[in-house]
């Protein structure tokens, strides 16, 4: 095998990982979805070994579970997972607001474009797109830190968040009010009001964490309750 072909083969698990993670972010792979080797490798046009390597990476990222004799499935997050995610969110997103005066203009434009996309999804009542669009805004906010490593970390974080959002009884109703707050944060950053933006974001994250935790805990009680007591 040539060096070029070897490099291409080595990169396939990374590409498959990216594709599957993106499907999670888009809401196409909700918690509990089984990821079967034979069907999925055929669909993606890769070997089962390549798929298994990608699934191991997703497991390490906390996006899937792998159990002996039960296979691989998209993970259902716990309350502890959610709490940890929001610790990371506060650290990165508030740091991004602090760094925003130094951010290149194209990154600020990209951030504003993500808010506009979320607003468009709300106006079209495309509720299956609203949550993803809002997550993209927060991803673009972290991008203001201009760190490829942090960008890669946050790509995993928004996929985890999407799994947490999926337990909402009505995700559209849950997501819609946050977009206006995304717009507020964006406008404060663009207006140079860094302190106000940080305050708005801190309150946003507090409210979001509380709401998501309540939903995750309620879902956990429902799924673990004995039949007849749900």
Foldseek 3Di string as FASTA:
>chain_A
DDPVVVVVVVCLLVVLLVVVLVCLLLVNAEFFAADDQPVNCVVVVHHSVSPVSSQVVCVVLVQWDQDPPPGIGGHQDALVVLVVLLVVLLVQLLVLLVLLVVFDPVLLVQLVVLLVVLVVCVVVVVLSRNLSSLLVNSLSSSCSVVDPVVSVSSSSSSSVVSNLLVLDPRSSVVRVVVSVLSVVLSVCSVVVVSVVSSVSVVVSSVVVSVVSSVSSVVVVCVVPDPPPPD
